[in-house]
Amino acid sequence: MAGLLSRLGRKQKTHIWSAVVVAAGSATRMEGIDKVLAPLADVPVLVRTLRVFQNCGDITEIVVVTREDLLVEVSQLCKAFALDKVSKVVVGGEQRIHSVLHGLREVREDAELIAIQDGARPFLTQEVLREVLAKAEETGAAAPAIPVTDTIKRAENGLAVETLDRDTLFAVQTPQVFEAGLIKAAVQKAVEDGEVLTDDCAAVERLGMKVSLTKGSRENIKITTPLDLFLGEAILDARDGRLP
């Protein structure tokens, strides 16, 4: 009994895991709609994205990276929706890789893991998030992914020259999660080398690091076009049991 009480009395080991949510894009394919502020069932896309990390017990803090013209509005949204894990809202850079770097510079110095998430990816589930966090803690780098179902062709000058083996192809999603020192060094090196990367995994792959893939979700879409907003409403209806 004494041994049991002793174990129960010990403090659980705490960890510091941060999230950088990147919402600084120009939304050029949204036909004038600002995708991160667009409502989904009356809740802005960005707020739905942030709530997933707000409600995850493993996440300590959230840093939001946005455009300069949205800085005040995003800050107000975080307050209005009681997103108290948001520690900072900062201005992004010219390209996504620069915005990621700006966010990485603002996380806590004692952060052990950093999850990088698209601000316009509001349907991440706690299950997908927990699995990728656990794998990153184990291996140092992890990302959720889903198998490619379409036949993929490689083309040159508008002509198909090769059919790729789709059994080896995966569509990688976010959050992509890394050991803090690794991703900071990798992104800094990519920026110094002038690399314009659209994927955070590519930054660590350039250093020779392998990225573990975890199970993603077909619902974990990124809002990129107006059609995606309609698809998003359908996902919410299905989750709420409003679809037949």
C-alpha atoms as a PDB file:
ATOM      1  CA  MET A   1       0.000   0.000   0.000  1.00  0.00           C
ATOM      2  CA  ALA A   2       2.815   2.385   0.856  1.00  0.00           C
ATOM      3  CA  GLY A   3       4.363   1.779  -2.560  1.00  0.00           C
ATOM      4  CA  LEU A   4       1.071   2.485  -4.320  1.00  0.00           C
ATOM      5  CA  LEU A   5       0.514   5.692  -2.372  1.00  0.00           C
ATOM      6  CA  SER A   6       4.049   6.761  -3.167  1.00  0.00           C
ATOM      7  CA  ARG A   7       3.486   6.274  -6.884  1.00  0.00           C
ATOM      8  CA  LEU A   8       0.175   8.101  -6.772  1.00  0.00           C
ATOM      9  CA  GLY A   9       1.799  10.976  -4.959  1.00  0.00           C
ATOM     10  CA  ARG A  10       4.446  11.518  -7.602  1.00  0.00           C
ATOM     11  CA  LYS A  11       3.956  14.386  -9.985  1.00  0.00           C
ATOM     12  CA  GLN A  12       3.286  13.404 -13.550  1.00  0.00           C
ATOM     13  CA  LYS A  13       6.019  14.464 -15.940  1.00  0.00           C
ATOM     14  CA  THR A  14       4.908  17.584 -17.787  1.00  0.00           C
ATOM     15  CA  HIS A  15       5.927  18.530 -21.265  1.00  0.00           C
ATOM     16  CA  ILE A  16       5.832  21.764 -23.223  1.00  0.00           C
ATOM     17  CA  TRP A  17       4.340  21.261 -26.667  1.00  0.00           C
ATOM     18  CA  SER A  18       3.573  24.286 -28.828  1.00  0.00           C
ATOM     19  CA  ALA A  19       1.445  24.805 -31.927  1.00  0.00           C
ATOM     20  CA  VAL A  20       2.164  27.288 -34.695  1.00  0.00           C
ATOM     21  CA  VAL A  21      -0.975  27.965 -36.739  1.00  0.00           C
ATOM     22  CA  VAL A  22      -0.195  29.600 -40.075  1.00  0.00           C
ATOM     23  CA  ALA A  23      -2.967  31.839 -41.398  1.00  0.00           C
ATOM     24  CA  ALA A  24      -1.054  34.424 -43.411  1.00  0.00           C
ATOM     25  CA  GLY A  25      -1.921  33.416 -46.981  1.00  0.00           C
ATOM     26  CA  SER A  26      -3.443  35.702 -49.567  1.00  0.00           C
ATOM     27  CA  ALA A  27      -6.276  33.256 -50.460  1.00  0.00           C
ATOM     28  CA  THR A  28      -5.894  33.959 -54.184  1.00  0.00           C
ATOM     29  CA  ARG A  29      -8.071  30.977 -55.145  1.00  0.00           C
ATOM     30  CA  MET A  30     -10.994  31.997 -52.918  1.00  0.00           C
ATOM     31  CA  GLU A  31     -12.540  34.519 -55.351  1.00  0.00           C
ATOM     32  CA  GLY A  32     -12.362  37.410 -52.909  1.00  0.00           C
ATOM     33  CA  ILE A  33     -13.315  35.397 -49.810  1.00  0.00           C
ATOM     34  CA  ASP A  34     -10.890  35.543 -46.889  1.00  0.00           C
ATOM     35  CA  LYS A  35     -10.816  31.842 -46.111  1.00  0.00           C
ATOM     36  CA  VAL A  36      -9.589  31.978 -42.511  1.00  0.00           C
ATOM     37  CA  LEU A  37     -12.385  34.374 -41.556  1.00  0.00           C
ATOM     38  CA  ALA A  38     -15.086  32.730 -43.666  1.00  0.00           C
ATOM     39  CA  PRO A  39     -17.906  31.325 -41.505  1.00  0.00           C
ATOM     40  CA  LEU A  40     -18.624  27.618 -41.215  1.00  0.00           C
ATOM     41  CA  ALA A  41     -21.956  27.221 -39.399  1.00  0.00           C
ATOM     42  CA  ASP A  42     -21.452  30.776 -38.080  1.00  0.00           C
ATOM     43  CA  VAL A  43     -17.971  30.087 -36.673  1.00  0.00           C
ATOM     44  CA  PRO A  44     -14.910  31.408 -38.540  1.00  0.00           C
ATOM     45  CA  VAL A  45     -12.676  28.791 -40.146  1.00  0.00           C
ATOM     46  CA  LEU A  46      -9.650  29.912 -38.144  1.00  0.00           C
ATOM     47  CA  VAL A  47     -11.522  29.673 -34.853  1.00  0.00           C
ATOM     48  CA  ARG A  48     -12.538  26.087 -35.631  1.00  0.00           C
ATOM     49  CA  THR A  49      -8.892  25.299 -36.378  1.00  0.00           C
ATOM     50  CA  LEU A  50      -7.667  26.884 -33.167  1.00  0.00           C
ATOM     51  CA  ARG A  51     -10.307  25.174 -31.015  1.00  0.00           C
ATOM     52  CA  VAL A  52      -8.817  21.763 -31.781  1.00  0.00           C
ATOM     53  CA  PHE A  53      -5.506  22.799 -30.209  1.00  0.00           C
ATOM     54  CA  GLN A  54      -7.239  24.752 -27.441  1.00  0.00           C
ATOM     55  CA  ASN A  55      -9.075  21.570 -26.442  1.00  0.00           C
ATOM     56  CA  CYS A  56      -6.029  19.282 -26.637  1.00  0.00           C
ATOM     57  CA  GLY A  57      -4.564  18.725 -23.172  1.00  0.00           C
ATOM     58  CA  ASP A  58      -1.110  18.029 -24.636  1.00  0.00           C
ATOM     59  CA  ILE A  59      -0.794  21.475 -26.222  1.00  0.00           C
ATOM     60  CA  THR A  60       0.607  24.164 -23.946  1.00  0.00           C
ATOM     61  CA  GLU A  61       0.493  27.238 -26.167  1.00  0.00           C
ATOM     62  CA  ILE A  62      -0.595  28.396 -29.606  1.00  0.00           C
ATOM     63  CA  VAL A  63       1.159  30.991 -31.757  1.00  0.00           C
ATOM     64  CA  VAL A  64      -0.941  32.345 -34.624  1.00  0.00           C
ATOM     65  CA  VAL A  65       0.753  33.779 -37.704  1.00  0.00           C
ATOM     66  CA  THR A  66      -1.419  36.006 -39.882  1.00  0.00           C
ATOM     67  CA  ARG A  67      -1.332  38.898 -42.329  1.00  0.00           C
ATOM     68  CA  GLU A  68      -0.647  42.381 -41.030  1.00  0.00           C
ATOM     69  CA  ASP A  69      -4.099  43.588 -42.100  1.00  0.00           C
ATOM     70  CA  LEU A  70      -5.741  40.809 -40.066  1.00  0.00           C
ATOM     71  CA  LEU A  71      -3.630  41.187 -36.952  1.00  0.00           C
ATOM     72  CA  VAL A  72      -6.194  43.110 -34.906  1.00  0.00           C
ATOM     73  CA  GLU A  73      -9.192  41.109 -36.117  1.00  0.00           C
ATOM     74  CA  VAL A  74      -7.549  37.748 -35.419  1.00  0.00           C
ATOM     75  CA  SER A  75      -6.467  38.919 -31.971  1.00  0.00           C
ATOM     76  CA  GLN A  76     -10.031  40.002 -31.222  1.00  0.00           C
ATOM     77  CA  LEU A  77     -11.410  36.668 -32.417  1.00  0.00           C
ATOM     78  CA  CYS A  78      -9.092  34.801 -30.056  1.00  0.00           C
ATOM     79  CA  LYS A  79     -10.399  36.860 -27.144  1.00  0.00           C
ATOM     80  CA  ALA A  80     -14.042  36.644 -28.218  1.00  0.00           C
ATOM     81  CA  PHE A  81     -13.915  32.844 -28.454  1.00  0.00           C
ATOM     82  CA  ALA A  82     -11.900  32.414 -25.222  1.00  0.00           C
ATOM     83  CA  LEU A  83      -8.899  30.868 -26.949  1.00  0.00           C
ATOM     84  CA  ASP A  84      -6.633  31.481 -23.976  1.00  0.00           C
ATOM     85  CA  LYS A  85      -3.871  29.138 -25.130  1.00  0.00           C
ATOM     86  CA  VAL A  86      -3.080  31.648 -27.877  1.00  0.00           C
ATOM     87  CA  SER A  87      -0.020  33.333 -26.461  1.00  0.00           C
ATOM     88  CA  LYS A  88       0.848  35.510 -29.465  1.00  0.00           C
ATOM     89  CA  VAL A  89      -0.573  36.660 -32.790  1.00  0.00           C
ATOM     90  CA  VAL A  90       2.250  37.714 -35.109  1.00  0.00           C
ATOM     91  CA  VAL A  91       2.682  38.922 -38.669  1.00  0.00           C
ATOM     92  CA  GLY A  92       3.757  36.427 -41.311  1.00  0.00           C
ATOM     93  CA  GLY A  93       6.219  36.741 -44.145  1.00  0.00           C
ATOM     94  CA  GLU A  94       6.314  36.860 -47.921  1.00  0.00           C
ATOM     95  CA  GLN A  95       6.023  33.080 -48.417  1.00  0.00           C
ATOM     96  CA  ARG A  96       4.657  30.318 -46.194  1.00  0.00           C
ATOM     97  CA  ILE A  97       8.174  29.221 -45.196  1.00  0.00           C
ATOM     98  CA  HIS A  98       8.869  32.742 -43.908  1.00  0.00           C
ATOM     99  CA  SER A  99       5.602  32.782 -41.958  1.00  0.00           C
ATOM    100  CA  VAL A 100       6.495  29.449 -40.359  1.00  0.00           C
ATOM    101  CA  LEU A 101       9.882  30.859 -39.369  1.00  0.00           C
ATOM    102  CA  HIS A 102       8.233  33.912 -37.797  1.00  0.00           C
ATOM    103  CA  GLY A 103       5.997  31.621 -35.759  1.00  0.00           C
ATOM    104  CA  LEU A 104       8.830  29.333 -34.682  1.00  0.00           C
ATOM    105  CA  ARG A 105      10.742  32.322 -33.348  1.00  0.00           C
ATOM    106  CA  GLU A 106       7.843  33.187 -31.043  1.00  0.00           C
ATOM    107  CA  VAL A 107       7.211  29.836 -29.330  1.00  0.00           C
ATOM    108  CA  ARG A 108       8.394  29.257 -25.790  1.00  0.00           C
ATOM    109  CA  GLU A 109      12.113  28.651 -25.488  1.00  0.00           C
ATOM    110  CA  ASP A 110      11.471  25.483 -23.490  1.00  0.00           C
ATOM    111  CA  ALA A 111       9.122  23.951 -26.076  1.00  0.00           C
ATOM    112  CA  GLU A 112      10.028  20.335 -26.778  1.00  0.00           C
ATOM    113  CA  LEU A 113       7.681  19.615 -29.694  1.00  0.00           C
ATOM    114  CA  ILE A 114       6.180  22.051 -32.187  1.00  0.00           C
ATOM    115  CA  ALA A 115       3.110  21.280 -34.282  1.00  0.00           C
ATOM    116  CA  ILE A 116       2.691  23.361 -37.445  1.00  0.00           C
ATOM    117  CA  GLN A 117      -0.893  23.619 -38.676  1.00  0.00           C
ATOM    118  CA  ASP A 118      -2.630  25.269 -41.622  1.00  0.00           C
ATOM    119  CA  GLY A 119      -5.029  27.899 -40.347  1.00  0.00           C
ATOM    120  CA  ALA A 120      -7.535  26.885 -43.038  1.00  0.00           C
ATOM    121  CA  ARG A 121      -7.676  23.218 -41.997  1.00  0.00           C
ATOM    122  CA  PRO A 122     -10.555  23.290 -39.473  1.00  0.00           C
ATOM    123  CA  PHE A 123     -11.647  19.643 -39.388  1.00  0.00           C
ATOM    124  CA  LEU A 124      -8.665  18.074 -37.628  1.00  0.00           C
ATOM    125  CA  THR A 125      -9.839  15.578 -35.013  1.00  0.00           C
ATOM    126  CA  GLN A 126      -8.386  15.004 -31.576  1.00  0.00           C
ATOM    127  CA  GLU A 127      -7.638  11.407 -32.577  1.00  0.00           C
ATOM    128  CA  VAL A 128      -5.495  12.427 -35.559  1.00  0.00           C
ATOM    129  CA  LEU A 129      -3.789  15.115 -33.476  1.00  0.00           C
ATOM    130  CA  ARG A 130      -2.968  12.821 -30.562  1.00  0.00           C
ATOM    131  CA  GLU A 131      -1.544  10.133 -32.835  1.00  0.00           C
ATOM    132  CA  VAL A 132       0.781  12.483 -34.707  1.00  0.00           C
ATOM    133  CA  LEU A 133       1.958  14.116 -31.467  1.00  0.00           C
ATOM    134  CA  ALA A 134       2.773  10.717 -29.969  1.00  0.00           C
ATOM    135  CA  LYS A 135       4.683   9.591 -33.065  1.00  0.00           C
ATOM    136  CA  ALA A 136       6.666  12.836 -33.204  1.00  0.00           C
ATOM    137  CA  GLU A 137       7.584  12.451 -29.539  1.00  0.00           C
ATOM    138  CA  GLU A 138       8.894   8.981 -30.403  1.00  0.00           C
ATOM    139  CA  THR A 139      10.695   9.716 -33.693  1.00  0.00           C
ATOM    140  CA  GLY A 140      11.287  13.485 -33.806  1.00  0.00           C
ATOM    141  CA  ALA A 141       9.217  14.161 -36.929  1.00  0.00           C
ATOM    142  CA  ALA A 142       5.738  13.031 -37.952  1.00  0.00           C
ATOM    143  CA  ALA A 143       2.806  14.051 -40.151  1.00  0.00           C
ATOM    144  CA  PRO A 144      -0.663  12.638 -40.851  1.00  0.00           C
ATOM    145  CA  ALA A 145      -1.233  11.332 -44.372  1.00  0.00           C
ATOM    146  CA  ILE A 146      -3.829   9.524 -46.445  1.00  0.00           C
ATOM    147  CA  PRO A 147      -3.256   7.134 -49.374  1.00  0.00           C
ATOM    148  CA  VAL A 148      -3.704   8.600 -52.835  1.00  0.00           C
ATOM    149  CA  THR A 149      -6.735   7.036 -54.545  1.00  0.00           C
ATOM    150  CA  ASP A 150      -6.536   8.628 -57.999  1.00  0.00           C
ATOM    151  CA  THR A 151      -4.180   7.445 -60.717  1.00  0.00           C
ATOM    152  CA  ILE A 152      -1.278   9.905 -60.815  1.00  0.00           C
ATOM    153  CA  LYS A 153       0.506  10.801 -64.033  1.00  0.00           C
ATOM    154  CA  ARG A 154       3.813  12.611 -64.432  1.00  0.00           C
ATOM    155  CA  ALA A 155       3.606  14.992 -67.353  1.00  0.00           C
ATOM    156  CA  GLU A 156       5.994  17.019 -69.466  1.00  0.00           C
ATOM    157  CA  ASN A 157       4.813  19.763 -71.814  1.00  0.00           C
ATOM    158  CA  GLY A 158       1.211  18.687 -71.374  1.00  0.00           C
ATOM    159  CA  LEU A 159       1.894  15.033 -72.205  1.00  0.00           C
ATOM    160  CA  ALA A 160       1.720  12.122 -69.757  1.00  0.00           C
ATOM    161  CA  VAL A 161       5.099  10.397 -69.686  1.00  0.00           C
ATOM    162  CA  GLU A 162       4.758   8.112 -66.670  1.00  0.00           C
ATOM    163  CA  THR A 163       2.138   6.508 -64.451  1.00  0.00           C
ATOM    164  CA  LEU A 164       3.261   6.514 -60.828  1.00  0.00           C
ATOM    165  CA  ASP A 165       2.624   3.635 -58.461  1.00  0.00           C
ATOM    166  CA  ARG A 166      -0.109   4.997 -56.231  1.00  0.00           C
ATOM    167  CA  ASP A 167       0.558   2.323 -53.597  1.00  0.00           C
ATOM    168  CA  THR A 168       3.637   4.348 -52.659  1.00  0.00           C
ATOM    169  CA  LEU A 169       1.955   7.763 -52.781  1.00  0.00           C
ATOM    170  CA  PHE A 170       0.399   9.613 -49.869  1.00  0.00           C
ATOM    171  CA  ALA A 171      -1.223  13.022 -49.509  1.00  0.00           C
ATOM    172  CA  VAL A 172       0.360  14.643 -46.462  1.00  0.00           C
ATOM    173  CA  GLN A 173      -1.776  16.806 -44.193  1.00  0.00           C
ATOM    174  CA  THR A 174      -1.149  19.008 -41.174  1.00  0.00           C
ATOM    175  CA  PRO A 175      -0.341  19.314 -38.343  1.00  0.00           C
ATOM    176  CA  GLN A 176       3.235  18.330 -39.041  1.00  0.00           C
ATOM    177  CA  VAL A 177       5.006  17.860 -35.720  1.00  0.00           C
ATOM    178  CA  PHE A 178       8.713  18.026 -34.945  1.00  0.00           C
ATOM    179  CA  GLU A 179      11.267  18.146 -32.193  1.00  0.00           C
ATOM    180  CA  ALA A 180      11.647  21.856 -31.561  1.00  0.00           C
ATOM    181  CA  GLY A 181      15.359  22.217 -32.219  1.00  0.00           C
ATOM    182  CA  LEU A 182      15.126  20.179 -35.411  1.00  0.00           C
ATOM    183  CA  ILE A 183      12.362  22.173 -37.085  1.00  0.00           C
ATOM    184  CA  LYS A 184      13.822  25.532 -36.053  1.00  0.00           C
ATOM    185  CA  ALA A 185      17.184  24.627 -37.566  1.00  0.00           C
ATOM    186  CA  ALA A 186      15.634  23.070 -40.673  1.00  0.00           C
ATOM    187  CA  VAL A 187      13.385  26.018 -41.498  1.00  0.00           C
ATOM    188  CA  GLN A 188      16.145  28.543 -40.799  1.00  0.00           C
ATOM    189  CA  LYS A 189      18.462  26.643 -43.158  1.00  0.00           C
ATOM    190  CA  ALA A 190      15.786  26.457 -45.861  1.00  0.00           C
ATOM    191  CA  VAL A 191      15.209  30.211 -45.685  1.00  0.00           C
ATOM    192  CA  GLU A 192      18.955  30.924 -45.779  1.00  0.00           C
ATOM    193  CA  ASP A 193      19.261  28.684 -48.850  1.00  0.00           C
ATOM    194  CA  GLY A 194      16.427  30.505 -50.601  1.00  0.00           C
ATOM    195  CA  GLU A 195      14.159  27.457 -50.684  1.00  0.00           C
ATOM    196  CA  VAL A 196      10.454  28.251 -51.099  1.00  0.00           C
ATOM    197  CA  LEU A 197       8.839  25.206 -49.520  1.00  0.00           C
ATOM    198  CA  THR A 198       5.105  24.618 -49.169  1.00  0.00           C
ATOM    199  CA  ASP A 199       5.585  21.669 -46.819  1.00  0.00           C
ATOM    200  CA  ASP A 200       7.348  21.680 -43.456  1.00  0.00           C
ATOM    201  CA  CYS A 201       8.414  18.043 -43.771  1.00  0.00           C
ATOM    202  CA  ALA A 202      10.499  19.022 -46.792  1.00  0.00           C
ATOM    203  CA  ALA A 203      12.610  21.295 -44.594  1.00  0.00           C
ATOM    204  CA  VAL A 204      13.727  18.455 -42.323  1.00  0.00           C
ATOM    205  CA  GLU A 205      14.014  16.027 -45.237  1.00  0.00           C
ATOM    206  CA  ARG A 206      16.639  18.385 -46.690  1.00  0.00           C
ATOM    207  CA  LEU A 207      18.733  17.646 -43.597  1.00  0.00           C
ATOM    208  CA  GLY A 208      18.447  13.896 -44.153  1.00  0.00           C
ATOM    209  CA  MET A 209      15.747  13.351 -41.509  1.00  0.00           C
ATOM    210  CA  LYS A 210      13.003  10.802 -42.121  1.00  0.00           C
ATOM    211  CA  VAL A 211       9.415  11.790 -41.341  1.00  0.00           C
ATOM    212  CA  SER A 212       7.059   9.193 -39.886  1.00  0.00           C
ATOM    213  CA  LEU A 213       3.558   9.115 -41.370  1.00  0.00           C
ATOM    214  CA  THR A 214       0.510   8.588 -39.192  1.00  0.00           C
ATOM    215  CA  LYS A 215      -3.108   7.993 -40.136  1.00  0.00           C
ATOM    216  CA  GLY A 216      -4.761  11.103 -41.510  1.00  0.00           C
ATOM    217  CA  SER A 217      -8.418  11.729 -42.245  1.00  0.00           C
ATOM    218  CA  ARG A 218     -10.268  12.475 -45.478  1.00  0.00           C
ATOM    219  CA  GLU A 219     -12.268  15.035 -43.501  1.00  0.00           C
ATOM    220  CA  ASN A 220      -9.074  16.908 -42.633  1.00  0.00           C
ATOM    221  CA  ILE A 221      -9.362  19.099 -45.716  1.00  0.00           C
ATOM    222  CA  LYS A 222      -7.785  22.476 -46.294  1.00  0.00           C
ATOM    223  CA  ILE A 223     -10.158  25.269 -47.313  1.00  0.00           C
ATOM    224  CA  THR A 224      -8.636  26.407 -50.596  1.00  0.00           C
ATOM    225  CA  THR A 225     -11.544  27.221 -52.950  1.00  0.00           C
ATOM    226  CA  PRO A 226     -15.157  28.350 -52.421  1.00  0.00           C
ATOM    227  CA  LEU A 227     -16.276  24.787 -53.152  1.00  0.00           C
ATOM    228  CA  ASP A 228     -14.385  23.654 -50.059  1.00  0.00           C
ATOM    229  CA  LEU A 229     -16.690  25.798 -47.907  1.00  0.00           C
ATOM    230  CA  PHE A 230     -19.691  23.836 -49.189  1.00  0.00           C
ATOM    231  CA  LEU A 231     -17.829  20.593 -48.539  1.00  0.00           C
ATOM    232  CA  GLY A 232     -16.999  21.853 -45.054  1.00  0.00           C
ATOM    233  CA  GLU A 233     -20.660  22.515 -44.301  1.00  0.00           C
ATOM    234  CA  ALA A 234     -21.426  18.936 -45.394  1.00  0.00           C
ATOM    235  CA  ILE A 235     -18.733  17.601 -43.053  1.00  0.00           C
ATOM    236  CA  LEU A 236     -20.260  19.541 -40.155  1.00  0.00           C
ATOM    237  CA  ASP A 237     -23.741  18.293 -41.041  1.00  0.00           C
ATOM    238  CA  ALA A 238     -22.486  14.712 -41.110  1.00  0.00           C
ATOM    239  CA  ARG A 239     -20.765  15.097 -37.753  1.00  0.00           C
ATOM    240  CA  ASP A 240     -23.893  16.584 -36.237  1.00  0.00           C
ATOM    241  CA  GLY A 241     -26.117  13.885 -37.704  1.00  0.00           C
ATOM    242  CA  ARG A 242     -28.016  16.293 -39.946  1.00  0.00           C
ATOM    243  CA  LEU A 243     -27.407  14.296 -43.134  1.00  0.00           C
ATOM    244  CA  PRO A 244     -29.642  11.315 -44.004  1.00  0.00           C
END
